[in-house]
Protein backbone atom coordinates (compact mmCIF):
# COMPACT_ATOMS: atom_id res chain seq x y z
CA MET A 1 24.37 24.01 19.35
CA ASN A 2 27.33 22.05 20.71
CA VAL A 3 25.01 20.17 23.08
CA HIS A 4 22.84 19.04 20.16
CA VAL A 5 25.91 18.03 18.14
CA THR A 6 27.22 15.98 21.06
CA ILE A 7 23.88 14.27 21.56
CA ALA A 8 23.66 13.45 17.86
CA VAL A 9 27.22 12.07 17.86
CA ALA A 10 26.58 9.94 20.93
CA SER A 11 23.35 8.62 19.42
CA ARG A 12 25.07 7.69 16.16
CA LEU A 13 27.89 5.89 17.97
CA THR A 14 25.48 4.05 20.23
CA ASP A 15 23.50 2.88 17.20
CA ILE A 16 26.64 1.45 15.56
CA LEU A 17 27.68 -0.30 18.77
CA SER A 18 24.20 -1.75 19.24
CA SER A 19 24.18 -3.00 15.64
CA GLN A 20 27.58 -4.66 16.04
CA ARG A 21 26.65 -6.26 19.34
CA ALA A 22 23.37 -7.58 17.93
CA ALA A 23 25.23 -9.04 14.94
CA PHE A 24 27.78 -10.67 17.25
CA LEU A 25 25.02 -12.33 19.28
CA ARG A 26 23.15 -13.34 16.13
CA ASP A 27 26.07 -14.84 14.23
CA GLY A 28 28.11 -16.25 17.11
CA GLN A 29 31.84 -16.81 17.09
CA PRO A 30 33.51 -16.70 13.67
CA THR A 31 35.32 -19.85 12.61
CA LEU A 32 39.07 -20.12 12.09
CA ALA A 33 38.50 -20.06 8.33
CA ALA A 34 36.37 -16.90 8.55
CA ARG A 35 38.93 -15.09 10.69
CA LYS A 36 41.82 -16.00 8.40
CA ALA A 37 39.77 -14.93 5.37
CA ASP A 38 39.00 -11.55 6.96
CA LEU A 39 42.67 -11.04 7.82
CA LEU A 40 43.62 -11.84 4.23
CA LYS A 41 41.05 -9.35 2.94
CA LEU A 42 42.54 -6.70 5.21
CA LYS A 43 46.09 -7.49 4.08
CA LYS A 44 45.18 -7.32 0.39
CA ALA A 45 43.34 -4.02 0.87
CA VAL A 46 46.32 -2.48 2.68
CA ARG A 47 48.73 -3.56 -0.05
CA ALA A 48 46.45 -2.22 -2.77
CA ARG A 49 45.88 1.10 -1.01
CA LEU A 50 49.42 1.71 0.23
CA PRO A 51 50.27 4.25 -2.52
CA GLU A 52 47.12 6.17 -1.60
CA PHE A 53 48.08 6.12 2.08
CA GLU A 54 51.51 7.46 1.16
CA LYS A 55 49.79 10.42 -0.54
CA SER A 56 47.23 11.00 2.22
CA LEU A 57 49.90 11.00 4.92
CA ASN A 58 52.11 13.32 2.89
CA SER A 59 49.11 15.66 2.69
CA ASP A 60 48.26 15.38 6.39
CA PHE A 61 51.85 16.04 7.51
CA GLN A 62 52.63 18.45 4.65
CA GLY A 63 55.76 16.36 4.22
CA ARG A 64 55.77 12.68 5.20
CA SER A 65 58.42 10.32 3.84
CA ALA A 66 56.76 7.86 1.45
CA LYS A 67 59.45 5.28 2.16
CA GLU A 68 58.83 5.55 5.91
CA THR A 69 55.12 5.07 5.30
CA MET A 70 55.82 1.98 3.22
CA ILE A 71 58.25 0.46 5.74
CA LEU A 72 57.00 1.60 9.15
CA GLU A 73 53.29 1.37 8.36
CA GLY A 74 52.91 -0.99 5.40
CA VAL A 75 55.61 -3.61 5.95
CA ALA A 76 55.14 -3.76 9.73
CA LEU A 77 51.38 -4.17 9.32
CA VAL A 78 51.50 -6.80 6.58
CA GLN A 79 54.07 -8.84 8.50
CA GLY A 80 51.93 -8.58 11.63
CA ILE A 81 48.86 -9.87 9.78
CA ASN A 82 50.90 -12.74 8.32
CA TYR A 83 52.01 -13.66 11.83
CA LEU A 84 48.43 -13.69 13.13
CA ARG A 85 47.25 -15.93 10.28
CA ARG A 86 50.14 -18.39 10.82
CA ASN A 87 49.54 -18.79 14.54
CA LEU A 88 45.78 -18.42 14.88
CA LYS A 89 44.93 -22.12 14.69
CA GLY A 90 47.15 -22.95 17.66
CA TRP A 91 45.86 -20.05 19.72
CA MET A 92 42.23 -21.03 19.15
CA ARG A 93 42.83 -24.66 20.18
CA PRO A 94 41.43 -25.50 23.66
CA GLN A 95 44.20 -25.76 26.26
CA LYS A 96 44.14 -28.77 28.55
CA ARG A 97 44.61 -27.93 32.25
CA HIS A 98 45.55 -30.02 35.27
CA VAL A 99 42.87 -31.62 37.44
CA GLU A 100 43.58 -32.40 41.10
CA THR A 101 43.31 -35.99 42.29
CA GLN A 102 40.06 -35.52 44.23
CA PHE A 103 38.28 -34.32 41.07
CA MET A 104 39.52 -37.02 38.73
CA PRO A 105 38.63 -38.35 36.24
CA GLY A 106 37.07 -34.97 35.42
CA ARG A 107 38.67 -32.85 32.70
CA ALA A 108 39.57 -29.17 32.63
CA ARG A 109 40.33 -26.90 29.70
CA VAL A 110 40.57 -23.22 28.75
CA VAL A 111 38.99 -21.86 25.59
CA HIS A 112 39.52 -18.34 24.30
CA GLN A 113 36.31 -16.82 23.07
CA PRO A 114 35.69 -13.38 21.52
CA LEU A 115 34.77 -10.53 23.83
CA GLY A 116 32.28 -8.96 21.40
CA VAL A 117 32.90 -5.39 20.25
CA VAL A 118 36.32 -3.73 20.62
CA GLY A 119 36.82 0.04 20.46
CA ILE A 120 40.08 1.30 18.93
CA MET A 121 41.29 4.89 19.35
CA SER A 122 44.33 5.44 17.15
CA PRO A 123 46.87 8.29 17.09
CA TRP A 124 48.09 10.60 14.34
CA ASN A 125 51.76 9.60 14.22
CA PHE A 126 51.12 6.20 12.57
CA PRO A 127 47.41 6.37 11.79
CA VAL A 128 47.41 3.36 9.45
CA GLY A 129 49.45 0.81 11.41
CA LEU A 130 48.15 1.86 14.82
CA SER A 131 44.56 1.60 13.62
CA LEU A 132 44.84 -1.59 11.63
CA MET A 133 47.18 -3.70 13.77
CA PRO A 134 44.77 -3.54 16.74
CA LEU A 135 41.95 -4.20 14.26
CA ALA A 136 43.76 -7.25 12.88
CA THR A 137 44.26 -8.52 16.44
CA ALA A 138 40.58 -7.95 17.23
CA ILE A 139 39.57 -9.85 14.08
CA ALA A 140 41.94 -12.70 14.94
CA ALA A 141 40.29 -12.95 18.35
CA GLY A 142 36.86 -13.10 16.67
CA ASN A 143 35.62 -9.64 17.61
CA ARG A 144 33.87 -6.81 15.81
CA ALA A 145 35.41 -3.34 16.03
CA MET A 146 34.81 0.39 15.94
CA ILE A 147 37.74 2.68 15.11
CA LYS A 148 38.17 6.37 15.95
CA PRO A 149 41.22 7.77 14.06
CA SER A 150 42.90 11.01 15.07
CA GLU A 151 41.44 14.23 13.72
CA TYR A 152 45.03 15.47 13.10
CA THR A 153 45.29 13.23 10.02
CA PRO A 154 41.88 13.73 8.37
CA ALA A 155 42.79 12.63 4.85
CA THR A 156 44.16 9.35 6.15
CA GLY A 157 41.16 8.87 8.44
CA ASP A 158 38.81 9.30 5.51
CA LEU A 159 40.82 6.84 3.43
CA LEU A 160 40.73 4.29 6.26
CA ALA A 161 36.95 4.66 6.45
CA GLU A 162 36.62 4.24 2.68
CA MET A 163 38.88 1.18 2.52
CA LEU A 164 37.34 -0.65 5.48
CA GLY A 165 33.84 0.23 4.28
CA GLU A 166 34.56 -1.58 1.02
CA ILE A 167 35.70 -4.86 2.61
CA PHE A 168 33.64 -5.11 5.82
CA PRO A 169 29.99 -4.35 6.63
CA GLU A 170 29.49 -1.65 9.26
CA GLU A 171 28.09 -4.22 11.68
CA GLN A 172 31.52 -5.86 11.65
CA VAL A 173 33.99 -2.95 11.30
CA ALA A 174 33.09 0.74 11.50
CA VAL A 175 35.23 3.88 11.31
CA VAL A 176 33.95 7.08 12.90
CA THR A 177 35.79 10.32 12.21
CA GLY A 178 35.60 13.70 13.91
CA GLY A 179 37.11 15.91 16.56
CA PRO A 180 37.36 15.85 20.35
CA ASP A 181 33.56 15.64 20.80
CA VAL A 182 33.53 12.37 18.85
CA GLY A 183 36.55 11.10 20.79
CA SER A 184 34.92 11.91 24.13
CA ALA A 185 31.68 10.18 23.17
CA PHE A 186 33.60 7.22 21.73
CA SER A 187 35.61 6.61 24.92
CA SER A 188 32.39 6.65 26.95
CA LEU A 189 30.76 3.78 25.04
CA PRO A 190 30.22 0.43 26.82
CA PHE A 191 32.63 -1.57 24.68
CA ASP A 192 33.75 -5.04 25.65
CA HIS A 193 37.34 -3.74 25.46
CA LEU A 194 38.92 -0.41 24.51
CA VAL A 195 42.37 0.00 22.94
CA PHE A 196 43.86 3.48 23.09
CA THR A 197 47.21 4.63 21.69
CA GLY A 198 48.32 8.16 22.44
CA SER A 199 49.66 10.47 25.12
CA THR A 200 49.60 9.75 28.84
CA PRO A 201 47.34 12.74 29.72
CA VAL A 202 44.73 11.74 27.13
CA GLY A 203 45.11 8.11 28.18
CA LYS A 204 44.10 9.05 31.73
CA ALA A 205 40.95 10.77 30.43
CA VAL A 206 40.10 7.78 28.24
CA MET A 207 40.55 5.37 31.13
CA LYS A 208 38.38 7.53 33.39
CA ALA A 209 35.60 7.61 30.77
CA ALA A 210 35.84 3.85 30.21
CA SER A 211 35.68 3.16 33.95
CA ALA A 212 32.10 4.44 34.11
CA ASN A 213 31.08 1.29 32.20
CA LEU A 214 33.78 -0.95 33.69
CA VAL A 215 35.29 -1.31 30.22
CA PRO A 216 38.73 -2.99 30.35
CA VAL A 217 41.40 -0.98 28.56
CA THR A 218 44.67 -1.50 26.78
CA LEU A 219 46.63 1.76 26.93
CA GLU A 220 49.67 2.23 24.70
CA LEU A 221 51.14 5.52 25.86
CA GLY A 222 54.68 6.83 25.80
CA GLY A 223 57.14 8.60 28.05
CA LYS A 224 60.82 9.40 28.10
CA SER A 225 62.46 6.30 26.67
CA PRO A 226 66.19 6.41 27.54
CA VAL A 227 69.25 5.20 25.67
CA VAL A 228 72.23 4.03 27.69
CA VAL A 229 75.56 3.91 25.89
CA GLU A 230 78.09 1.84 27.84
CA LYS A 231 81.56 3.19 28.51
CA GLY A 232 84.03 2.12 25.85
CA SER A 233 81.42 0.73 23.46
CA SER A 234 81.30 1.62 19.76
CA LEU A 235 80.03 5.20 19.53
CA GLU A 236 79.70 4.92 15.77
CA ARG A 237 77.36 1.95 16.00
CA ALA A 238 75.32 3.56 18.78
CA ALA A 239 75.08 6.91 17.00
CA ALA A 240 73.91 5.35 13.73
CA SER A 241 71.12 3.41 15.46
CA ILE A 242 70.10 6.28 17.73
CA ALA A 243 69.91 8.67 14.78
CA PHE A 244 67.69 6.20 12.93
CA GLY A 245 65.39 5.79 15.94
CA LYS A 246 65.27 9.47 16.82
CA LEU A 247 64.77 10.82 13.29
CA SER A 248 62.40 8.25 11.74
CA ASN A 249 59.07 10.02 11.31
CA ALA A 250 60.93 13.07 12.70
CA GLY A 251 60.95 11.46 16.13
CA GLN A 252 57.15 11.25 16.26
CA ILE A 253 57.19 7.65 17.50
CA CYS A 254 56.04 6.51 20.93
CA VAL A 255 59.13 4.29 21.29
CA ALA A 256 61.60 6.81 19.86
CA PRO A 257 64.73 7.25 22.00
CA ASP A 258 63.92 10.33 24.03
CA TYR A 259 67.32 11.14 25.55
CA ALA A 260 70.80 9.59 25.50
CA LEU A 261 72.89 8.78 28.58
CA ILE A 262 76.52 9.06 27.47
CA PRO A 263 79.69 8.56 29.58
CA GLU A 264 80.84 12.03 30.63
CA ASN A 265 84.25 11.80 28.95
CA GLU A 266 82.71 10.62 25.65
CA VAL A 267 80.06 13.30 25.08
CA ASP A 268 82.09 15.34 22.56
CA ALA A 269 83.08 12.23 20.63
CA PHE A 270 79.47 11.01 20.56
CA LEU A 271 78.24 14.39 19.32
CA ALA A 272 80.71 14.22 16.43
CA VAL A 273 79.70 10.73 15.32
CA TYR A 274 75.99 11.50 15.79
CA ASP A 275 76.34 14.50 13.47
CA LYS A 276 78.10 12.20 10.97
CA ALA A 277 75.33 9.61 11.28
CA VAL A 278 72.63 12.23 10.62
CA ARG A 279 74.49 13.42 7.50
CA SER A 280 74.68 9.82 6.29
CA LEU A 281 70.94 9.26 6.76
CA TYR A 282 69.89 12.57 5.17
CA PRO A 283 72.57 13.79 2.71
CA ALA A 284 70.24 16.61 1.60
CA GLY A 285 69.36 17.54 5.18
CA PRO A 286 65.77 18.30 6.22
CA ALA A 287 64.96 19.29 2.64
CA SER A 288 65.13 15.58 1.76
CA ALA A 289 61.91 13.82 0.79
CA ASP A 290 62.99 11.12 3.25
CA PHE A 291 62.76 13.56 6.16
CA THR A 292 59.30 13.99 7.69
CA SER A 293 57.76 17.23 8.94
CA ILE A 294 56.18 17.81 12.33
CA VAL A 295 52.50 16.97 11.99
CA ASN A 296 51.17 20.51 12.48
CA GLU A 297 52.00 24.02 13.68
CA ARG A 298 50.74 23.28 17.19
CA HIS A 299 53.23 20.48 17.76
CA TYR A 300 55.97 22.41 15.97
CA GLY A 301 55.37 25.33 18.31
CA ARG A 302 55.49 23.02 21.33
CA LEU A 303 58.92 21.76 20.27
CA ARG A 304 60.25 25.25 19.59
CA LYS A 305 59.06 26.30 23.03
CA LEU A 306 60.96 23.42 24.67
CA LEU A 307 64.15 24.37 22.79
CA ASP A 308 63.79 28.08 23.53
CA GLU A 309 63.27 27.40 27.23
CA ALA A 310 66.30 25.09 27.40
CA GLN A 311 68.47 27.67 25.65
CA ALA A 312 67.23 30.49 27.89
CA LYS A 313 68.17 28.46 30.96
CA GLY A 314 71.70 27.80 29.76
CA ALA A 315 71.55 24.63 27.67
CA LYS A 316 73.39 24.47 24.37
CA VAL A 317 71.09 23.82 21.39
CA ILE A 318 72.94 22.48 18.32
CA GLU A 319 71.40 21.78 14.92
CA VAL A 320 73.21 18.84 13.33
CA GLY A 321 73.46 17.20 9.94
CA GLU A 322 73.63 18.70 6.47
CA ASN A 323 72.05 22.06 5.72
CA PRO A 324 69.77 22.35 8.80
CA GLU A 325 68.56 25.78 7.67
CA ALA A 326 66.70 24.03 4.82
CA ALA A 327 64.06 23.13 7.39
CA ARG A 328 62.86 26.76 7.17
CA THR A 329 61.77 26.15 3.58
CA ARG A 330 59.21 23.47 4.53
CA PRO A 331 56.06 23.84 6.64
CA HIS A 332 56.54 23.10 10.36
CA THR A 333 59.79 21.18 9.85
CA LEU A 334 62.40 20.98 12.60
CA PRO A 335 65.99 20.04 11.75
CA PRO A 336 67.79 17.30 13.70
CA THR A 337 68.86 18.93 16.95
CA VAL A 338 70.98 18.03 19.96
CA VAL A 339 70.69 19.62 23.41
CA LEU A 340 73.72 19.66 25.73
CA GLY A 341 73.72 20.68 29.38
CA ALA A 342 69.99 20.32 29.98
CA THR A 343 68.95 20.39 33.63
CA ASP A 344 66.03 18.92 35.53
CA ASP A 345 64.13 22.21 35.66
CA MET A 346 63.78 22.21 31.86
CA GLY A 347 60.77 20.78 30.04
CA ILE A 348 63.10 19.04 27.58
CA LEU A 349 64.03 16.57 30.34
CA ASN A 350 60.54 16.22 31.79
CA GLU A 351 58.13 16.09 28.86
CA GLU A 352 58.05 13.46 26.14
CA ILE A 353 59.75 15.21 23.22
CA PHE A 354 58.12 13.50 20.21
CA GLY A 355 60.34 15.27 17.74
CA PRO A 356 63.85 15.14 16.17
CA VAL A 357 65.50 16.57 19.30
CA LEU A 358 68.03 14.54 21.31
CA PRO A 359 69.14 15.73 24.77
CA ILE A 360 72.50 14.21 25.71
CA VAL A 361 72.90 13.61 29.44
CA ALA A 362 76.37 12.79 30.77
CA TYR A 363 76.84 10.11 33.44
CA ARG A 364 79.82 9.10 35.58
CA ASP A 365 79.05 5.42 36.19
CA ILE A 366 76.28 2.96 35.42
CA ASP A 367 74.70 3.37 38.87
CA GLU A 368 74.21 7.06 38.16
CA ALA A 369 72.61 6.26 34.78
CA ILE A 370 70.25 3.76 36.41
CA ALA A 371 69.32 6.25 39.13
CA ARG A 372 68.57 8.82 36.43
CA ILE A 373 66.20 6.42 34.65
CA ASN A 374 64.51 5.35 37.88
CA SER A 375 63.96 8.93 39.02
CA GLY A 376 61.24 9.34 36.38
CA PRO A 377 58.13 7.43 35.34
CA ARG A 378 58.67 3.99 33.86
CA PRO A 379 59.25 4.38 30.11
CA LEU A 380 57.65 2.54 27.20
CA ALA A 381 61.05 1.50 25.84
CA LEU A 382 64.68 1.33 26.92
CA TYR A 383 67.73 1.00 24.71
CA TYR A 384 71.19 -0.24 25.67
CA PHE A 385 74.38 -0.18 23.64
CA GLY A 386 77.30 -2.23 24.88
CA GLY A 387 78.59 -5.69 25.63
CA ASN A 388 77.03 -8.52 27.60
CA GLY A 389 78.67 -7.57 30.87
CA GLU A 390 77.91 -6.41 34.38
CA ASP A 391 76.70 -2.95 33.34
CA ARG A 392 74.10 -4.41 30.97
CA ARG A 393 72.98 -6.89 33.64
CA LYS A 394 72.49 -4.04 36.12
CA VAL A 395 70.46 -1.96 33.68
CA LEU A 396 68.18 -4.87 32.72
CA GLU A 397 67.64 -6.01 36.30
CA ARG A 398 67.31 -2.66 38.05
CA THR A 399 65.12 -0.75 35.60
CA THR A 400 61.53 -1.42 34.53
CA SER A 401 60.27 -0.47 31.09
CA GLY A 402 57.72 -1.69 28.59
CA ASN A 403 60.30 -3.34 26.29
CA VAL A 404 64.04 -3.28 25.61
CA THR A 405 66.15 -3.35 22.47
CA ILE A 406 69.86 -4.04 22.91
CA ASN A 407 72.35 -2.57 20.42
CA ASP A 408 69.67 -1.02 18.23
CA THR A 409 66.52 1.10 18.49
CA LEU A 410 62.81 0.62 17.69
CA LEU A 411 63.15 -2.98 16.53
CA HIS A 412 61.51 -4.69 19.50
CA TYR A 413 58.22 -3.31 18.15
CA ALA A 414 58.72 -5.24 14.91
CA GLN A 415 59.12 -8.59 16.69
CA ASP A 416 55.66 -10.03 16.17
CA ASP A 417 56.14 -12.81 18.72
CA LEU A 418 56.96 -10.35 21.54
CA PRO A 419 54.21 -8.59 23.51
CA PHE A 420 54.22 -4.82 23.08
CA GLY A 421 53.01 -2.59 25.87
CA GLY A 422 53.92 -0.17 28.60
CA VAL A 423 54.06 -0.25 32.37
CA GLY A 424 52.69 2.34 34.77
CA PRO A 425 52.44 5.78 33.13
CA SER A 426 53.65 4.35 29.81
CA GLY A 427 50.62 2.10 29.51
CA MET A 428 48.88 -1.08 30.56
CA GLY A 429 48.10 -4.30 28.77
CA ALA A 430 49.77 -5.51 25.60
CA TYR A 431 49.14 -6.45 22.05
CA HIS A 432 51.29 -8.24 19.45
CA GLY A 433 52.10 -11.88 19.98
CA VAL A 434 49.81 -14.34 21.70
CA GLU A 435 49.41 -11.71 24.43
CA GLY A 436 47.46 -9.51 22.02
CA PHE A 437 45.14 -12.36 21.11
CA LYS A 438 44.59 -13.11 24.80
CA SER A 439 44.01 -9.42 25.66
CA LEU A 440 41.09 -9.28 23.23
CA SER A 441 39.69 -12.68 24.20
CA HIS A 442 37.95 -14.10 27.23
CA ALA A 443 39.80 -17.08 28.71
CA LYS A 444 36.88 -19.30 29.72
CA GLY A 445 37.71 -22.14 32.08
CA ILE A 446 35.61 -25.27 31.61
CA PHE A 447 35.50 -28.24 34.00
CA GLU A 448 33.75 -31.38 32.82
CA GLN A 449 32.84 -33.81 35.58
CA SER A 450 32.74 -37.55 34.84
CA ARG A 451 29.92 -39.77 35.97
CA TRP A 452 32.14 -41.57 38.48
CA ASN A 453 34.23 -39.27 40.72
CA LEU A 454 35.49 -38.75 44.25
CA SER A 455 33.97 -35.33 44.92
CA GLY A 456 30.81 -36.92 46.31
CA ALA A 457 32.85 -38.06 49.30
CA LEU A 458 33.08 -34.41 50.40
CA ARG A 459 29.33 -33.93 50.58
CA PRO A 460 27.07 -34.59 53.54
CA PRO A 461 26.20 -36.80 55.24
CA PHE A 462 29.87 -37.01 56.23
CA GLY A 463 31.13 -40.47 57.07
CA TRP A 464 34.36 -42.38 57.32
CA LEU A 465 35.13 -41.90 53.62
CA SER A 466 34.89 -38.11 53.85
CA GLY A 467 37.19 -38.15 56.87
CA PHE A 468 39.72 -40.30 55.03
CA VAL A 469 39.66 -38.09 51.93
CA THR A 470 39.91 -34.91 54.01
CA ARG A 471 42.92 -36.22 55.96
CA PHE A 472 44.53 -37.21 52.66
CA LEU A 473 44.00 -33.74 51.18
CA LEU A 474 45.38 -32.02 54.28
CA ARG A 475 48.68 -33.84 54.19
C-alpha cells in the first residue's frame, strides 16, 4: 500500500514539474514588468490573508502569538517583497565586464537569466515567511516554483495552497502538501535549484537526494548560535535583547540565541536582570496570548528530556519570569527557563535547543569564550554585546558564523540588503539581498567579438605578428 502511495505521489510531483518546465520553455523569461506585477500580487494576497494566517498558525501551534505572526511573518515578508521590487531593475540590467587588450574591441557582459523551476521546502516554525520569501526571490529571478510546506502546520499549509492557487496558475506556482513520503519524493525531483530550510540532519538527507540529479541546493539550517556578553557591558541592555530573541516564537527560530556566554563574576547579576526582562516582556507569564506554545507534543517532549537530563547530571534548571506554572494550563507550553552549570556531556549544550531555554555558560576571558564557540560546528548566527574594542575585534575575526548582530538579537535577518545564510553545518548558499537573486539565477557570460580584432594574430600560420603579440602578452 505504501509503495503504491509513494509511486502515485512521485508521479503527481513529476507531472507538476514537467508542466512548469514546459511552460517555462514555452513562455521564455518573464519581463521586469511581469515579475514586479507578480510580486505585487503576492504582497497584496499576503496582506489580505494575514488575519487568516494568524488563525491558522494559532490552530497549528495550539497557541501562537498573533502579534508575532503579524510582525515576524507578515511585516518581514512584505518589507522583503518591497525591497525586491525596488531593486529588481538594477539587478536585471546586463553588467559590463573588462576585456583584455588582445581581445579588443570586443565586448563582454554578464546577464542573469532564470534557472527554470525552483523547489522550496519550508519549515514549520515560520511556515508563511519561510515559504513565501524564497518564492518571492524565485519570482524576482524569473523562475517558476513548487513549494512543500511542513506537515507539522497543516492548516497553514492548506491556506498557503489556497491563496497561491488563487493568484498563480499551477504551471507557475504549485503547493504540494503531505507527510514525509511527499517530502522524500519532492527532494528527489530534478529541479533547477532546491531551497531547504530546516534542521541539519534533514538538510543532509535533502542534499543527498538532490545530489542524484546534480541539483544545486541552498540549505538554511541552524545550530547553536552563541551570545557573547562582554565584561563590564550593560547587562540590562543585553538581557532585554537576549530575552526578546530567545522567547520570540518560544525560541523556535533558527537564529534564536542558543546559549549565553557571560563573564564568570557576572552570572548572578545577569540572571537577575534576565528574569526582570522576561517579566517585562510577558507580565502575565506563559499564560499571555503573546507567548507562543511549542509546536507539538513531540518537540515539547524533546525539550523536557533535555532539561531532565541536565538536571539529573547536576545542572540547575530555573524557571524565570512571572507565573511560570501557568504554562501547565496550556497545551505543550514551556515557561522561560534558564540552565546554570551545564556541562559538555549534556544534550543541552550539544543539540540545537529550539525552545525558550537559555543555558548560561560562564567564561573567564574572551579567549576562552572564543575557544568555546570554535569547539563546535559553525553557527548560523552570532551575537555580541559590548563596546567597539579589542574583545569585539577578536570575536569577529576569530569566529566564523552565518551572520552577526552586535548589541541586539535576530535583527540581521530583517536587513533585506544583507545576504542570509549559514556556513558549514549551519547551511550553504544565501538568499535575501542581491545574493538571493543571484543564487536563483544563472550568471551567463557573453563575449561579443568585433569584426576587426587582434585575436587572429594568435592563429596559425604563425608569423612575426604572432611572435610580437605573444612576447607582449608574456611581459
